[in-house]
Amino acid sequence: MSDTMMEQGSRAVVPAKRESLWTKAFQKFIHDKVGMISLSVVGLYFLTAILVWLGVIAQGWDELLADGQMGPTAEYWFGTNINGQDIFQRAIYSTKTAFEVGLTVAVVATITGALVGSTTGYFSGTVIDEIFLWLMNCLDCIPYYLMVAAFAVALAENPYAMHIAMMSCFWMGTARLVRGEVIKLKNMEFTEAARSLGVPVYRVIFKHLLPNTSHILLVEMTLLFITAIKSEVILSFLGLGVKDGISWGLMIAEASGEVTAGYFSNFFAASGMMFVLVLAFNMFSDSLQDALDPRKI
């Protein structure tokens, strides 16, 4: 056999490089038109929130710019409220509030749920698992809005009472999902091999189990972001949410008295911006979930 034929044979048996699940998921997502459009809308909102945070736009949201309430004009696109404040600037500034609440609650609740879920899943059937399950069942029995009111009273009207209440409730759903996944993963060969080699428990959990639940955690974080924003709007409308600043919930609460007088700008500005963001994030979350589904990759 010639050297050329041997070289061709050796090249023929070299296996093709396999793409990782994350690479396949990324390729699938970027070819999802709905997912990319929704991500673009969310990105535009996020850019707006950053510009507000940097002090570039909507810094006059609390200034009395006009003499009382008026409808949309060339200067005030959405008109002004009863105090003469620019509704458009207030709606834009509220984007920062939405992302502050959404990101803070989603990140902390997801991390908490991941830690509790992985621990209880690894020690399923033990006293540790029973204690955490009992705690989650007890918290589930308390109506969410009563818990927020309790936190607001206990923290003496602290502006972060709403954040603490959300984070205290929202981690449980993530914890249950991660627990179920870890129970399945801990009996697989790679986990048993790590234990047989004497790998410490914390390394088994954080190096072998939690990384294999990252697709669940990513989707859960997007869903918690949406839930946190909607909850903030409801709580602020009820007077239990944002205390220092402005949000879409506070704007809708203001609009409840203005609608009867025939002024709808405040209501439409706040609810419209919230609706577009929540809808885009829902569509983005659905596309992300489809892209990360191991059965569809």
Protein backbone atom coordinates (compact mmCIF):
# COMPACT_ATOMS: atom_id res chain seq x y z
CA MET A 1 0.00 0.00 0.00
CA SER A 2 1.41 3.39 -0.96
CA ASP A 3 2.09 6.16 1.51
CA THR A 4 -0.60 8.29 -0.16
CA MET A 5 -3.27 5.64 0.37
CA MET A 6 -2.23 5.19 3.99
CA GLU A 7 -2.51 8.93 4.60
CA GLN A 8 -5.97 9.01 3.01
CA GLY A 9 -7.07 6.08 5.15
CA SER A 10 -5.80 7.67 8.32
CA ARG A 11 -7.64 10.88 7.50
CA ALA A 12 -10.83 8.95 6.79
CA VAL A 13 -11.04 7.44 10.26
CA VAL A 14 -10.59 10.73 12.11
CA PRO A 15 -13.97 11.44 13.73
CA ALA A 16 -15.64 14.74 13.02
CA LYS A 17 -15.58 17.32 15.78
CA ARG A 18 -18.86 17.30 17.63
CA GLU A 19 -20.58 20.55 18.48
CA SER A 20 -21.50 21.19 22.10
CA LEU A 21 -25.11 21.46 23.18
CA TRP A 22 -24.63 25.17 23.88
CA THR A 23 -23.28 25.74 20.36
CA LYS A 24 -26.22 23.89 18.84
CA ALA A 25 -28.65 25.84 21.03
CA PHE A 26 -27.04 29.14 20.01
CA GLN A 27 -27.22 28.25 16.32
CA LYS A 28 -30.86 27.25 16.69
CA PHE A 29 -31.74 30.44 18.56
CA ILE A 30 -30.13 32.85 16.08
CA HIS A 31 -32.14 31.22 13.29
CA ASP A 32 -35.37 31.77 15.25
CA LYS A 33 -36.82 34.99 13.81
CA VAL A 34 -39.31 35.46 16.64
CA GLY A 35 -36.60 34.95 19.23
CA MET A 36 -34.24 37.43 17.60
CA ILE A 37 -36.93 40.09 17.16
CA SER A 38 -38.04 39.74 20.78
CA LEU A 39 -34.39 39.85 21.94
CA SER A 40 -33.92 43.08 19.94
CA VAL A 41 -36.93 44.67 21.65
CA VAL A 42 -35.67 43.61 25.09
CA GLY A 43 -32.21 44.93 24.17
CA LEU A 44 -33.72 48.29 23.22
CA TYR A 45 -35.47 48.52 26.59
CA PHE A 46 -32.26 47.52 28.36
CA LEU A 47 -30.31 50.20 26.49
CA THR A 48 -32.94 52.73 27.54
CA ALA A 49 -32.56 51.66 31.17
CA ILE A 50 -28.77 52.04 30.94
CA LEU A 51 -29.06 55.53 29.43
CA VAL A 52 -31.43 56.54 32.24
CA TRP A 53 -29.05 55.09 34.82
CA LEU A 54 -26.15 57.03 33.27
CA GLY A 55 -28.18 60.24 33.47
CA VAL A 56 -28.38 60.74 29.71
CA ILE A 57 -32.17 60.75 29.27
CA ALA A 58 -35.40 61.25 31.26
CA GLN A 59 -33.74 63.09 34.15
CA GLY A 60 -36.55 65.63 34.34
CA TRP A 61 -39.23 63.08 35.19
CA ASP A 62 -40.08 64.75 38.52
CA GLU A 63 -39.87 68.38 37.38
CA LEU A 64 -42.99 70.53 37.14
CA LEU A 65 -42.66 71.53 33.51
CA ALA A 66 -46.19 72.65 32.65
CA ASP A 67 -49.18 74.34 34.26
CA GLY A 68 -51.28 71.35 35.21
CA GLN A 69 -52.61 68.52 33.11
CA MET A 70 -52.63 68.60 29.33
CA GLY A 71 -52.87 66.21 26.41
CA PRO A 72 -50.13 65.20 23.97
CA THR A 73 -48.26 68.06 22.29
CA ALA A 74 -45.14 68.47 20.17
CA GLU A 75 -43.17 69.27 23.33
CA TYR A 76 -44.79 66.68 25.61
CA TRP A 77 -45.43 63.60 23.48
CA PHE A 78 -47.70 61.88 26.01
CA GLY A 79 -48.90 65.07 27.66
CA THR A 80 -48.47 65.95 31.33
CA ASN A 81 -50.07 64.69 34.52
CA ILE A 82 -52.06 66.69 37.03
CA ASN A 83 -48.83 68.06 38.52
CA GLY A 84 -47.50 69.22 35.16
CA GLN A 85 -44.84 66.48 34.92
CA ASP A 86 -43.88 65.04 31.54
CA ILE A 87 -45.55 61.62 31.21
CA PHE A 88 -43.14 60.46 28.50
CA GLN A 89 -40.10 61.12 30.66
CA ARG A 90 -41.74 59.35 33.60
CA ALA A 91 -42.55 56.31 31.45
CA ILE A 92 -38.97 56.18 30.13
CA TYR A 93 -37.48 56.55 33.61
CA SER A 94 -39.71 53.74 34.84
CA THR A 95 -37.86 51.40 32.47
CA LYS A 96 -34.84 51.68 34.76
CA THR A 97 -37.02 50.83 37.75
CA ALA A 98 -38.41 47.77 35.96
CA PHE A 99 -34.95 46.43 35.11
CA GLU A 100 -33.60 47.16 38.59
CA VAL A 101 -36.41 45.19 40.20
CA GLY A 102 -36.52 42.46 37.55
CA LEU A 103 -32.80 41.76 37.38
CA THR A 104 -32.21 41.95 41.14
CA VAL A 105 -35.06 39.64 42.02
CA ALA A 106 -34.44 37.22 39.14
CA VAL A 107 -30.71 36.82 39.82
CA VAL A 108 -30.98 36.44 43.59
CA ALA A 109 -34.04 34.17 43.46
CA THR A 110 -32.44 31.97 40.78
CA ILE A 111 -29.18 31.61 42.72
CA THR A 112 -31.07 30.83 45.92
CA GLY A 113 -33.27 28.29 44.16
CA ALA A 114 -30.24 26.68 42.50
CA LEU A 115 -28.38 26.30 45.79
CA VAL A 116 -31.36 24.95 47.72
CA GLY A 117 -32.55 22.72 44.87
CA SER A 118 -29.13 21.17 44.24
CA THR A 119 -28.56 20.56 47.95
CA THR A 120 -31.96 19.01 48.61
CA GLY A 121 -31.73 16.97 45.40
CA TYR A 122 -28.34 15.55 46.30
CA PHE A 123 -29.51 14.72 49.84
CA SER A 124 -33.01 13.64 48.78
CA GLY A 125 -34.65 11.34 51.29
CA THR A 126 -32.55 12.67 54.19
CA VAL A 127 -33.34 15.04 57.04
CA ILE A 128 -31.87 17.98 55.10
CA ASP A 129 -34.28 17.37 52.23
CA GLU A 130 -37.25 17.03 54.56
CA ILE A 131 -36.45 20.30 56.35
CA PHE A 132 -36.23 22.32 53.13
CA LEU A 133 -39.35 20.72 51.69
CA TRP A 134 -41.23 21.56 54.88
CA LEU A 135 -39.97 25.17 54.68
CA MET A 136 -41.04 25.53 51.04
CA ASN A 137 -44.47 24.04 51.75
CA CYS A 138 -44.97 26.44 54.67
CA LEU A 139 -43.99 29.47 52.58
CA ASP A 140 -46.30 28.33 49.79
CA CYS A 141 -49.20 28.40 52.24
CA ILE A 142 -48.77 32.14 52.86
CA PRO A 143 -50.51 34.38 50.29
CA TYR A 144 -47.86 36.34 48.44
CA TYR A 145 -49.35 39.80 48.91
CA LEU A 146 -49.84 39.21 52.63
CA MET A 147 -46.15 38.36 52.87
CA VAL A 148 -45.25 41.60 51.10
CA ALA A 149 -47.44 43.58 53.49
CA ALA A 150 -45.81 41.81 56.43
CA PHE A 151 -42.33 42.67 55.13
CA ALA A 152 -43.37 46.29 54.56
CA VAL A 153 -44.53 46.62 58.17
CA ALA A 154 -41.59 44.71 59.62
CA LEU A 155 -39.05 46.79 57.70
CA ALA A 156 -40.72 50.08 58.61
CA GLU A 157 -41.51 51.15 55.04
CA ASN A 158 -38.04 50.26 53.81
CA PRO A 159 -37.94 50.89 50.01
CA TYR A 160 -36.48 47.40 49.50
CA ALA A 161 -39.24 45.57 51.37
CA MET A 162 -40.83 44.61 48.04
CA HIS A 163 -37.55 43.22 46.70
CA ILE A 164 -36.97 41.14 49.84
CA ALA A 165 -40.52 39.80 49.75
CA MET A 166 -40.22 38.78 46.09
CA MET A 167 -36.86 37.11 46.62
CA SER A 168 -38.27 35.28 49.64
CA CYS A 169 -41.03 33.75 47.50
CA PHE A 170 -39.77 33.35 43.96
CA TRP A 171 -36.87 30.97 44.63
CA MET A 172 -39.10 28.03 45.52
CA GLY A 173 -40.24 27.17 42.00
CA THR A 174 -36.64 27.14 40.78
CA ALA A 175 -35.58 25.04 43.75
CA ARG A 176 -38.19 22.38 42.98
CA LEU A 177 -37.16 22.17 39.32
CA VAL A 178 -33.46 21.92 40.13
CA ARG A 179 -34.13 19.38 42.87
CA GLY A 180 -35.92 17.09 40.45
CA GLU A 181 -33.14 17.39 37.86
CA VAL A 182 -30.39 16.76 40.43
CA ILE A 183 -32.17 13.66 41.74
CA LYS A 184 -32.01 12.31 38.19
CA LEU A 185 -28.40 13.37 37.59
CA LYS A 186 -26.93 12.13 40.88
CA ASN A 187 -27.52 8.50 39.90
CA MET A 188 -25.75 8.81 36.55
CA GLU A 189 -22.33 7.34 35.86
CA PHE A 190 -20.34 10.60 35.90
CA THR A 191 -21.64 11.47 39.37
CA GLU A 192 -21.03 7.98 40.76
CA ALA A 193 -17.52 8.05 39.26
CA ALA A 194 -16.78 11.35 41.01
CA ARG A 195 -18.00 9.99 44.34
CA SER A 196 -15.99 6.77 43.94
CA LEU A 197 -12.84 8.87 43.41
CA GLY A 198 -13.45 10.61 46.71
CA VAL A 199 -14.49 13.99 45.30
CA PRO A 200 -15.95 16.15 48.10
CA VAL A 201 -19.71 16.65 48.13
CA TYR A 202 -19.54 20.37 47.45
CA ARG A 203 -17.39 19.76 44.36
CA VAL A 204 -19.80 17.11 43.10
CA ILE A 205 -22.68 19.56 43.47
CA PHE A 206 -21.01 22.68 42.08
CA LYS A 207 -18.79 21.11 39.42
CA HIS A 208 -20.80 18.15 38.19
CA LEU A 209 -24.47 18.67 39.01
CA LEU A 210 -25.25 22.40 38.91
CA PRO A 211 -23.57 23.00 35.50
CA ASN A 212 -25.89 20.37 34.04
CA THR A 213 -28.92 22.36 35.21
CA SER A 214 -27.72 25.65 33.68
CA HIS A 215 -30.24 25.43 30.83
CA ILE A 216 -33.06 25.21 33.38
CA LEU A 217 -31.66 28.10 35.43
CA LEU A 218 -31.32 30.35 32.39
CA VAL A 219 -34.94 29.87 31.36
CA GLU A 220 -36.13 30.22 34.96
CA MET A 221 -34.26 33.52 35.30
CA THR A 222 -36.06 34.99 32.29
CA LEU A 223 -39.43 33.86 33.66
CA LEU A 224 -38.66 35.31 37.11
CA PHE A 225 -37.70 38.60 35.48
CA ILE A 226 -41.16 38.82 33.91
CA THR A 227 -42.89 37.80 37.14
CA ALA A 228 -40.96 40.38 39.15
CA ILE A 229 -41.88 43.22 36.78
CA LYS A 230 -45.59 42.33 36.79
CA SER A 231 -45.56 41.94 40.57
CA GLU A 232 -43.89 45.31 41.00
CA VAL A 233 -46.59 46.99 38.92
CA ILE A 234 -49.36 45.38 40.98
CA LEU A 235 -47.69 46.11 44.31
CA SER A 236 -46.89 49.72 43.41
CA PHE A 237 -50.48 50.18 42.29
CA LEU A 238 -51.58 48.93 45.73
CA GLY A 239 -49.09 51.19 47.52
CA LEU A 240 -46.81 48.32 48.63
CA GLY A 241 -44.14 48.64 45.96
CA VAL A 242 -41.78 51.43 44.92
CA LYS A 243 -41.48 54.11 47.58
CA ASP A 244 -38.73 56.37 46.29
CA GLY A 245 -38.95 57.06 42.57
CA ILE A 246 -41.39 56.31 39.80
CA SER A 247 -42.56 53.11 38.15
CA TRP A 248 -45.21 51.96 35.73
CA GLY A 249 -47.26 50.73 38.68
CA LEU A 250 -47.24 54.15 40.32
CA MET A 251 -48.15 55.79 37.01
CA ILE A 252 -51.14 53.46 36.61
CA ALA A 253 -52.16 54.26 40.18
CA GLU A 254 -52.03 57.98 39.33
CA ALA A 255 -54.01 57.34 36.15
CA SER A 256 -56.88 55.71 38.07
CA GLY A 257 -58.07 59.18 39.04
CA GLU A 258 -57.25 60.81 35.71
CA VAL A 259 -59.17 58.35 33.52
CA THR A 260 -62.50 59.44 34.99
CA ALA A 261 -61.66 63.01 33.94
CA GLY A 262 -60.93 61.90 30.36
CA TYR A 263 -57.11 61.86 30.51
CA PHE A 264 -55.76 58.50 29.33
CA SER A 265 -52.15 59.35 28.47
CA ASN A 266 -50.70 58.32 31.84
CA PHE A 267 -52.47 54.97 31.74
CA PHE A 268 -51.61 54.15 28.12
CA ALA A 269 -47.97 55.23 28.45
CA ALA A 270 -47.30 53.03 31.49
CA SER A 271 -49.40 50.01 30.56
CA GLY A 272 -48.29 50.15 26.91
CA MET A 273 -44.58 50.15 27.71
CA MET A 274 -45.03 47.39 30.26
CA PHE A 275 -47.09 45.30 27.82
CA VAL A 276 -44.47 45.50 25.05
CA LEU A 277 -41.59 44.59 27.39
CA VAL A 278 -43.42 41.68 29.03
CA LEU A 279 -44.64 40.37 25.66
CA ALA A 280 -41.15 40.57 24.14
CA PHE A 281 -39.58 38.88 27.16
CA ASN A 282 -42.21 36.13 27.09
CA MET A 283 -41.49 35.44 23.43
CA PHE A 284 -37.75 35.54 24.09
CA SER A 285 -38.17 33.09 26.98
CA ASP A 286 -40.21 30.70 24.82
CA SER A 287 -37.60 30.78 22.04
CA LEU A 288 -34.80 30.30 24.54
CA GLN A 289 -36.57 27.35 26.10
CA ASP A 290 -37.05 25.72 22.69
CA ALA A 291 -33.39 26.30 21.80
CA LEU A 292 -32.14 24.80 25.08
CA ASP A 293 -34.49 21.81 25.10
CA PRO A 294 -32.17 18.76 24.87
CA ARG A 295 -34.91 16.77 23.13
CA LYS A 296 -35.05 19.27 20.25
CA ILE A 297 -31.33 19.83 19.76
